[in-house]
């Protein structure tokens, strides 16, 4: 796909897109931040477990 075609496609998408309603926007924010906290929490738990496991062998 050429660059001009790509820009034309993006223009079409932007032309038909609509701004979300406030309640829809709030729901999207809740889902996004919930996902961020979930992934961050899982990462923290894994990091903590690995730190403890590695600390036991070096103690």
N, C-alpha and C. Protein backbone atom coordinates (compact mmCIF):
# COMPACT_ATOMS: atom_id res chain seq x y z
N UNK A 1 0.85 -1.18 0.00
CA UNK A 1 0.00 0.00 0.00
C UNK A 1 0.89 1.24 0.00
N UNK A 2 0.63 2.13 -0.91
CA UNK A 2 1.42 3.35 -0.99
C UNK A 2 1.03 4.31 0.14
N UNK A 3 1.89 5.27 0.39
CA UNK A 3 1.66 6.23 1.45
C UNK A 3 0.42 7.07 1.19
N UNK A 4 0.18 7.46 -0.04
CA UNK A 4 -1.00 8.27 -0.37
C UNK A 4 -2.28 7.49 -0.09
N UNK A 5 -2.26 6.20 -0.43
CA UNK A 5 -3.44 5.37 -0.17
C UNK A 5 -3.69 5.22 1.32
N UNK A 6 -2.62 5.11 2.07
CA UNK A 6 -2.73 4.98 3.51
C UNK A 6 -3.35 6.23 4.12
N UNK A 7 -2.89 7.41 3.70
CA UNK A 7 -3.46 8.66 4.20
C UNK A 7 -4.92 8.80 3.78
N UNK A 8 -5.27 8.39 2.59
CA UNK A 8 -6.65 8.46 2.13
C UNK A 8 -7.54 7.56 2.99
N UNK A 9 -7.04 6.39 3.33
CA UNK A 9 -7.79 5.48 4.19
C UNK A 9 -7.99 6.07 5.57
N UNK A 10 -6.94 6.67 6.13
CA UNK A 10 -7.06 7.29 7.44
C UNK A 10 -8.06 8.44 7.42
N UNK A 11 -8.07 9.24 6.35
CA UNK A 11 -9.03 10.33 6.23
C UNK A 11 -10.46 9.82 6.21
N UNK A 12 -10.68 8.73 5.50
CA UNK A 12 -12.02 8.13 5.45
C UNK A 12 -12.45 7.66 6.83
N UNK A 13 -11.53 7.02 7.54
CA UNK A 13 -11.85 6.53 8.88
C UNK A 13 -12.18 7.70 9.81
N UNK A 14 -11.39 8.75 9.76
CA UNK A 14 -11.64 9.91 10.61
C UNK A 14 -12.94 10.62 10.25
N UNK A 15 -13.30 10.60 8.97
CA UNK A 15 -14.52 11.27 8.54
C UNK A 15 -15.77 10.57 9.07
N UNK A 16 -15.73 9.23 9.19
CA UNK A 16 -16.92 8.52 9.65
C UNK A 16 -16.91 8.25 11.15
N UNK A 17 -15.80 8.54 11.81
CA UNK A 17 -15.74 8.28 13.25
C UNK A 17 -16.51 9.34 14.02
N UNK A 18 -17.00 8.95 15.20
CA UNK A 18 -17.76 9.86 16.04
C UNK A 18 -17.11 9.97 17.41
N UNK A 19 -17.32 11.11 18.03
CA UNK A 19 -16.81 11.31 19.37
C UNK A 19 -17.67 10.50 20.34
N UNK A 20 -17.04 9.76 21.27
CA UNK A 20 -17.83 8.94 22.20
C UNK A 20 -18.63 9.81 23.17
N UNK A 21 -19.75 9.27 23.62
CA UNK A 21 -20.56 9.94 24.63
C UNK A 21 -19.79 9.91 25.96
N UNK A 22 -20.10 10.82 26.87
CA UNK A 22 -19.37 10.85 28.15
C UNK A 22 -19.41 9.53 28.92
N UNK A 23 -20.57 8.85 28.95
CA UNK A 23 -20.64 7.60 29.70
C UNK A 23 -19.83 6.50 29.01
N UNK A 24 -19.80 6.50 27.69
CA UNK A 24 -18.99 5.53 26.96
C UNK A 24 -17.50 5.81 27.18
N UNK A 25 -17.16 7.08 27.21
CA UNK A 25 -15.76 7.46 27.43
C UNK A 25 -15.31 7.03 28.83
N UNK A 26 -16.16 7.24 29.83
CA UNK A 26 -15.82 6.83 31.20
C UNK A 26 -15.65 5.31 31.29
N UNK A 27 -16.50 4.57 30.61
CA UNK A 27 -16.39 3.11 30.61
C UNK A 27 -15.08 2.67 29.97
N UNK A 28 -14.71 3.29 28.87
CA UNK A 28 -13.44 2.96 28.21
C UNK A 28 -12.25 3.27 29.11
N UNK A 29 -12.33 4.39 29.83
CA UNK A 29 -11.25 4.73 30.77
C UNK A 29 -11.15 3.71 31.90
N UNK A 30 -12.29 3.28 32.43
CA UNK A 30 -12.29 2.28 33.51
C UNK A 30 -11.68 0.98 33.02
N UNK A 31 -12.06 0.54 31.83
CA UNK A 31 -11.53 -0.70 31.29
C UNK A 31 -10.02 -0.58 31.05
N UNK A 32 -9.59 0.55 30.49
CA UNK A 32 -8.17 0.75 30.21
C UNK A 32 -7.34 0.76 31.48
N UNK A 33 -7.76 1.55 32.47
CA UNK A 33 -7.00 1.62 33.72
C UNK A 33 -7.08 0.32 34.50
N UNK A 34 -8.21 -0.37 34.43
CA UNK A 34 -8.32 -1.68 35.06
C UNK A 34 -7.32 -2.65 34.47
N UNK A 35 -7.19 -2.64 33.16
CA UNK A 35 -6.21 -3.51 32.50
C UNK A 35 -4.79 -3.15 32.88
N UNK A 36 -4.51 -1.85 32.96
CA UNK A 36 -3.16 -1.42 33.36
C UNK A 36 -2.83 -1.89 34.78
N UNK A 37 -3.78 -1.71 35.70
CA UNK A 37 -3.54 -2.14 37.07
C UNK A 37 -3.43 -3.65 37.17
N UNK A 38 -4.20 -4.38 36.39
CA UNK A 38 -4.14 -5.84 36.41
C UNK A 38 -2.77 -6.32 35.92
N UNK A 39 -2.33 -5.79 34.79
CA UNK A 39 -1.04 -6.20 34.24
C UNK A 39 0.09 -5.76 35.18
N UNK A 40 0.00 -4.57 35.73
CA UNK A 40 1.01 -4.10 36.67
C UNK A 40 1.04 -4.93 37.93
N UNK A 41 -0.13 -5.32 38.42
CA UNK A 41 -0.20 -6.15 39.61
C UNK A 41 0.41 -7.52 39.38
N UNK A 42 0.10 -8.12 38.23
CA UNK A 42 0.68 -9.41 37.89
C UNK A 42 2.20 -9.30 37.79
N UNK A 43 2.68 -8.25 37.15
CA UNK A 43 4.12 -8.03 37.04
C UNK A 43 4.78 -7.86 38.40
N UNK A 44 4.11 -7.13 39.29
CA UNK A 44 4.66 -6.92 40.63
C UNK A 44 4.73 -8.23 41.40
N UNK A 45 3.68 -9.04 41.32
CA UNK A 45 3.66 -10.33 42.01
C UNK A 45 4.77 -11.23 41.47
N UNK A 46 4.91 -11.30 40.16
CA UNK A 46 5.96 -12.14 39.57
C UNK A 46 7.34 -11.64 40.01
N UNK A 47 7.54 -10.33 39.97
CA UNK A 47 8.83 -9.76 40.40
C UNK A 47 9.12 -10.09 41.86
N UNK A 48 8.10 -9.95 42.71
CA UNK A 48 8.27 -10.23 44.13
C UNK A 48 8.60 -11.70 44.36
N UNK A 49 7.88 -12.59 43.69
CA UNK A 49 8.15 -14.03 43.84
C UNK A 49 9.57 -14.35 43.39
N UNK A 50 9.98 -13.83 42.24
CA UNK A 50 11.33 -14.11 41.75
C UNK A 50 12.40 -13.54 42.67
N UNK A 51 12.14 -12.37 43.25
CA UNK A 51 13.10 -11.77 44.17
C UNK A 51 13.24 -12.62 45.42
N UNK A 52 12.11 -13.10 45.95
CA UNK A 52 12.15 -13.94 47.15
C UNK A 52 12.85 -15.26 46.85
N UNK A 53 12.51 -15.87 45.73
CA UNK A 53 13.12 -17.16 45.37
C UNK A 53 14.62 -17.01 45.19
N UNK A 54 15.05 -15.98 44.51
CA UNK A 54 16.48 -15.77 44.31
C UNK A 54 17.17 -15.39 45.62
N UNK A 55 16.48 -14.71 46.52
CA UNK A 55 17.05 -14.31 47.79
C UNK A 55 17.27 -15.49 48.72
N UNK A 56 16.41 -16.48 48.61
CA UNK A 56 16.55 -17.66 49.47
C UNK A 56 17.84 -18.40 49.14
N UNK A 57 18.17 -18.53 47.88
CA UNK A 57 19.38 -19.24 47.48
C UNK A 57 20.65 -18.50 47.85
N UNK A 58 20.59 -17.17 48.00
CA UNK A 58 21.80 -16.39 48.30
C UNK A 58 21.94 -16.06 49.77
N UNK A 59 20.97 -16.47 50.59
CA UNK A 59 20.98 -16.10 52.01
C UNK A 59 21.78 -17.02 52.79
